[in-house]
Amino acid sequence: MDVQLVLGLILYFGYSPYITFNMSNPEERFWSVEHLLLMVLAIAAAHIGKVIAKKSEDAPVKFRFQAIFFTITLVLMLVGIPWSRV
């Protein structure tokens, strides 16, 4: 996920023709703000879940936190995919 974040940021700031920061157009707002925000939040949730699970010594607690945070990560990533815009 970290490599994906770095590649995404390189594309976002360096090569993306969609980034215009025009907030009146919903499609341009999605690519300029919403997609980036949702993907960064998904990566943050995955890292939080990983850290909490590593620090936990009790196996059921570890797996519960992994399931919760990785489900949050999956939901954020699915919401951030431009399904209707493809």
N, C-alpha and C. Protein backbone atom coordinates (compact mmCIF):
# COMPACT_ATOMS: atom_id res chain seq x y z
N MET A 1 0.82 -1.19 0.00
CA MET A 1 0.00 0.00 0.00
C MET A 1 0.86 1.25 0.00
N ASP A 2 2.03 1.17 0.62
CA ASP A 2 2.90 2.34 0.64
C ASP A 2 3.43 2.66 -0.75
N VAL A 3 3.78 1.63 -1.50
CA VAL A 3 4.24 1.85 -2.87
C VAL A 3 3.12 2.42 -3.72
N GLN A 4 1.92 1.92 -3.54
CA GLN A 4 0.76 2.44 -4.26
C GLN A 4 0.52 3.91 -3.92
N LEU A 5 0.69 4.27 -2.65
CA LEU A 5 0.54 5.67 -2.24
C LEU A 5 1.57 6.55 -2.92
N VAL A 6 2.81 6.13 -2.94
CA VAL A 6 3.87 6.93 -3.57
C VAL A 6 3.61 7.08 -5.06
N LEU A 7 3.26 5.99 -5.73
CA LEU A 7 2.97 6.08 -7.16
C LEU A 7 1.75 6.96 -7.43
N GLY A 8 0.73 6.85 -6.58
CA GLY A 8 -0.46 7.68 -6.74
C GLY A 8 -0.15 9.15 -6.56
N LEU A 9 0.67 9.47 -5.56
CA LEU A 9 1.02 10.88 -5.34
C LEU A 9 1.87 11.43 -6.48
N ILE A 10 2.75 10.60 -7.03
CA ILE A 10 3.54 11.04 -8.19
C ILE A 10 2.62 11.33 -9.37
N LEU A 11 1.67 10.43 -9.61
CA LEU A 11 0.73 10.66 -10.70
C LEU A 11 -0.17 11.86 -10.42
N TYR A 12 -0.58 12.00 -9.19
CA TYR A 12 -1.49 13.09 -8.81
C TYR A 12 -0.85 14.45 -9.02
N PHE A 13 0.36 14.62 -8.52
CA PHE A 13 0.99 15.94 -8.59
C PHE A 13 1.82 16.15 -9.84
N GLY A 14 2.19 15.07 -10.53
CA GLY A 14 3.07 15.23 -11.67
C GLY A 14 2.46 15.07 -13.03
N TYR A 15 1.55 14.10 -13.17
CA TYR A 15 1.15 13.73 -14.52
C TYR A 15 -0.35 13.72 -14.77
N SER A 16 -1.16 14.02 -13.80
CA SER A 16 -2.60 13.85 -13.96
C SER A 16 -3.24 15.02 -14.70
N PRO A 17 -3.97 14.71 -15.79
CA PRO A 17 -4.69 15.77 -16.49
C PRO A 17 -6.02 16.12 -15.82
N TYR A 18 -6.45 15.32 -14.83
CA TYR A 18 -7.73 15.54 -14.17
C TYR A 18 -7.67 16.56 -13.05
N ILE A 19 -6.50 16.90 -12.57
CA ILE A 19 -6.37 17.75 -11.40
C ILE A 19 -6.40 19.21 -11.84
N THR A 20 -7.55 19.85 -11.63
CA THR A 20 -7.69 21.25 -12.00
C THR A 20 -8.18 22.09 -10.83
N PHE A 21 -8.63 21.45 -9.75
CA PHE A 21 -9.15 22.12 -8.56
C PHE A 21 -10.33 23.02 -8.89
N ASN A 22 -11.16 22.59 -9.84
CA ASN A 22 -12.40 23.28 -10.16
C ASN A 22 -13.51 22.61 -9.35
N MET A 23 -13.93 23.23 -8.25
CA MET A 23 -14.88 22.60 -7.34
C MET A 23 -16.32 22.68 -7.82
N SER A 24 -16.60 23.43 -8.88
CA SER A 24 -17.97 23.53 -9.37
C SER A 24 -18.35 22.34 -10.25
N ASN A 25 -17.38 21.66 -10.82
CA ASN A 25 -17.62 20.49 -11.65
C ASN A 25 -17.47 19.24 -10.77
N PRO A 26 -18.54 18.43 -10.63
CA PRO A 26 -18.47 17.26 -9.73
C PRO A 26 -17.40 16.24 -10.10
N GLU A 27 -17.18 16.03 -11.38
CA GLU A 27 -16.17 15.05 -11.79
C GLU A 27 -14.76 15.53 -11.45
N GLU A 28 -14.49 16.78 -11.72
CA GLU A 28 -13.17 17.33 -11.39
C GLU A 28 -12.96 17.41 -9.88
N ARG A 29 -14.03 17.70 -9.13
CA ARG A 29 -13.93 17.71 -7.67
C ARG A 29 -13.62 16.31 -7.14
N PHE A 30 -14.23 15.29 -7.75
CA PHE A 30 -13.97 13.91 -7.33
C PHE A 30 -12.49 13.60 -7.47
N TRP A 31 -11.92 13.88 -8.65
CA TRP A 31 -10.51 13.55 -8.87
C TRP A 31 -9.57 14.45 -8.08
N SER A 32 -9.93 15.71 -7.91
CA SER A 32 -9.03 16.64 -7.23
C SER A 32 -9.02 16.48 -5.72
N VAL A 33 -10.16 16.12 -5.12
CA VAL A 33 -10.26 16.11 -3.66
C VAL A 33 -10.69 14.76 -3.11
N GLU A 34 -11.84 14.28 -3.55
CA GLU A 34 -12.47 13.12 -2.91
C GLU A 34 -11.65 11.85 -3.07
N HIS A 35 -11.18 11.56 -4.28
CA HIS A 35 -10.41 10.34 -4.51
C HIS A 35 -9.14 10.33 -3.67
N LEU A 36 -8.42 11.42 -3.69
CA LEU A 36 -7.18 11.52 -2.92
C LEU A 36 -7.44 11.35 -1.43
N LEU A 37 -8.44 12.04 -0.91
CA LEU A 37 -8.75 11.98 0.51
C LEU A 37 -9.15 10.56 0.94
N LEU A 38 -10.02 9.92 0.17
CA LEU A 38 -10.47 8.57 0.53
C LEU A 38 -9.32 7.56 0.49
N MET A 39 -8.45 7.67 -0.47
CA MET A 39 -7.34 6.72 -0.57
C MET A 39 -6.32 6.93 0.56
N VAL A 40 -6.06 8.17 0.92
CA VAL A 40 -5.14 8.43 2.04
C VAL A 40 -5.76 7.95 3.35
N LEU A 41 -7.06 8.15 3.53
CA LEU A 41 -7.73 7.64 4.73
C LEU A 41 -7.70 6.11 4.77
N ALA A 42 -7.85 5.47 3.62
CA ALA A 42 -7.80 4.01 3.58
C ALA A 42 -6.42 3.50 3.98
N ILE A 43 -5.39 4.14 3.51
CA ILE A 43 -4.03 3.72 3.87
C ILE A 43 -3.78 3.98 5.35
N ALA A 44 -4.28 5.09 5.86
CA ALA A 44 -4.12 5.37 7.29
C ALA A 44 -4.85 4.33 8.13
N ALA A 45 -6.05 3.93 7.73
CA ALA A 45 -6.79 2.91 8.47
C ALA A 45 -6.06 1.57 8.45
N ALA A 46 -5.48 1.23 7.32
CA ALA A 46 -4.73 -0.03 7.23
C ALA A 46 -3.51 0.00 8.15
N HIS A 47 -2.82 1.12 8.19
CA HIS A 47 -1.65 1.23 9.06
C HIS A 47 -2.05 1.20 10.54
N ILE A 48 -3.13 1.86 10.88
CA ILE A 48 -3.59 1.84 12.27
C ILE A 48 -3.96 0.43 12.69
N GLY A 49 -4.68 -0.28 11.84
CA GLY A 49 -5.04 -1.66 12.14
C GLY A 49 -3.83 -2.56 12.29
N LYS A 50 -2.84 -2.35 11.47
CA LYS A 50 -1.62 -3.16 11.55
C LYS A 50 -0.87 -2.89 12.85
N VAL A 51 -0.75 -1.64 13.23
CA VAL A 51 -0.02 -1.28 14.45
C VAL A 51 -0.74 -1.80 15.69
N ILE A 52 -2.05 -1.62 15.74
CA ILE A 52 -2.80 -2.10 16.90
C ILE A 52 -2.72 -3.62 17.00
N ALA A 53 -2.81 -4.30 15.87
CA ALA A 53 -2.74 -5.76 15.89
C ALA A 53 -1.35 -6.25 16.31
N LYS A 54 -0.32 -5.57 15.91
CA LYS A 54 1.04 -5.98 16.30
C LYS A 54 1.27 -5.81 17.80
N LYS A 55 0.70 -4.75 18.37
CA LYS A 55 0.91 -4.49 19.79
C LYS A 55 0.06 -5.37 20.69
N SER A 56 -0.99 -5.95 20.17
CA SER A 56 -1.87 -6.80 20.98
C SER A 56 -1.25 -8.18 21.14
N GLU A 57 -1.33 -8.70 22.35
CA GLU A 57 -0.78 -10.02 22.61
C GLU A 57 -1.86 -11.09 22.59
N ASP A 58 -3.11 -10.70 22.79
CA ASP A 58 -4.22 -11.64 22.80
C ASP A 58 -4.69 -11.86 21.36
N ALA A 59 -4.69 -13.11 20.90
CA ALA A 59 -5.01 -13.43 19.51
C ALA A 59 -6.42 -13.00 19.10
N PRO A 60 -7.48 -13.27 19.90
CA PRO A 60 -8.81 -12.82 19.46
C PRO A 60 -8.92 -11.30 19.31
N VAL A 61 -8.28 -10.57 20.21
CA VAL A 61 -8.30 -9.11 20.12
C VAL A 61 -7.55 -8.66 18.87
N LYS A 62 -6.43 -9.29 18.59
CA LYS A 62 -5.62 -8.96 17.42
C LYS A 62 -6.44 -9.15 16.14
N PHE A 63 -7.09 -10.31 16.03
CA PHE A 63 -7.85 -10.59 14.82
C PHE A 63 -9.09 -9.72 14.70
N ARG A 64 -9.68 -9.34 15.82
CA ARG A 64 -10.84 -8.45 15.79
C ARG A 64 -10.45 -7.08 15.26
N PHE A 65 -9.34 -6.54 15.78
CA PHE A 65 -8.89 -5.22 15.30
C PHE A 65 -8.48 -5.29 13.83
N GLN A 66 -7.84 -6.37 13.41
CA GLN A 66 -7.49 -6.51 12.01
C GLN A 66 -8.74 -6.54 11.14
N ALA A 67 -9.73 -7.30 11.55
CA ALA A 67 -10.96 -7.39 10.76
C ALA A 67 -11.66 -6.04 10.68
N ILE A 68 -11.73 -5.33 11.78
CA ILE A 68 -12.41 -4.03 11.79
C ILE A 68 -11.69 -3.02 10.90
N PHE A 69 -10.40 -2.85 11.10
CA PHE A 69 -9.68 -1.82 10.36
C PHE A 69 -9.47 -2.18 8.89
N PHE A 70 -9.30 -3.45 8.60
CA PHE A 70 -9.14 -3.82 7.20
C PHE A 70 -10.46 -3.77 6.45
N THR A 71 -11.58 -3.97 7.15
CA THR A 71 -12.88 -3.77 6.53
C THR A 71 -13.12 -2.29 6.26
N ILE A 72 -12.74 -1.44 7.20
CA ILE A 72 -12.83 0.00 6.98
C ILE A 72 -11.98 0.41 5.78
N THR A 73 -10.79 -0.16 5.68
CA THR A 73 -9.91 0.12 4.55
C THR A 73 -10.56 -0.29 3.24
N LEU A 74 -11.12 -1.48 3.20
CA LEU A 74 -11.76 -1.96 1.99
C LEU A 74 -12.94 -1.08 1.59
N VAL A 75 -13.75 -0.70 2.54
CA VAL A 75 -14.92 0.15 2.25
C VAL A 75 -14.47 1.51 1.72
N LEU A 76 -13.46 2.10 2.34
CA LEU A 76 -12.96 3.40 1.86
C LEU A 76 -12.40 3.29 0.45
N MET A 77 -11.69 2.22 0.17
CA MET A 77 -11.14 2.04 -1.17
C MET A 77 -12.25 1.83 -2.20
N LEU A 78 -13.27 1.06 -1.84
CA LEU A 78 -14.37 0.84 -2.78
C LEU A 78 -15.17 2.11 -3.03
N VAL A 79 -15.33 2.93 -2.01
CA VAL A 79 -16.03 4.21 -2.18
C VAL A 79 -15.20 5.16 -3.05
N GLY A 80 -13.89 5.08 -2.94
CA GLY A 80 -13.02 5.99 -3.68
C GLY A 80 -12.78 5.60 -5.13
N ILE A 81 -13.23 4.42 -5.53
CA ILE A 81 -13.07 4.00 -6.93
C ILE A 81 -14.16 4.68 -7.75
N PRO A 82 -13.81 5.23 -8.89
CA PRO A 82 -14.80 5.94 -9.70
C PRO A 82 -15.67 4.98 -10.51
N TRP A 83 -16.58 4.28 -9.86
CA TRP A 83 -17.40 3.25 -10.55
C TRP A 83 -18.23 3.85 -11.66
N SER A 84 -18.92 4.92 -11.42
CA SER A 84 -19.82 5.48 -12.44
C SER A 84 -19.07 6.37 -13.44
N ARG A 85 -17.83 6.64 -13.17
CA ARG A 85 -17.07 7.53 -14.04
C ARG A 85 -16.19 6.78 -15.02
N VAL A 86 -16.18 5.47 -14.96
CA VAL A 86 -15.29 4.67 -15.83
C VAL A 86 -15.90 4.53 -17.20
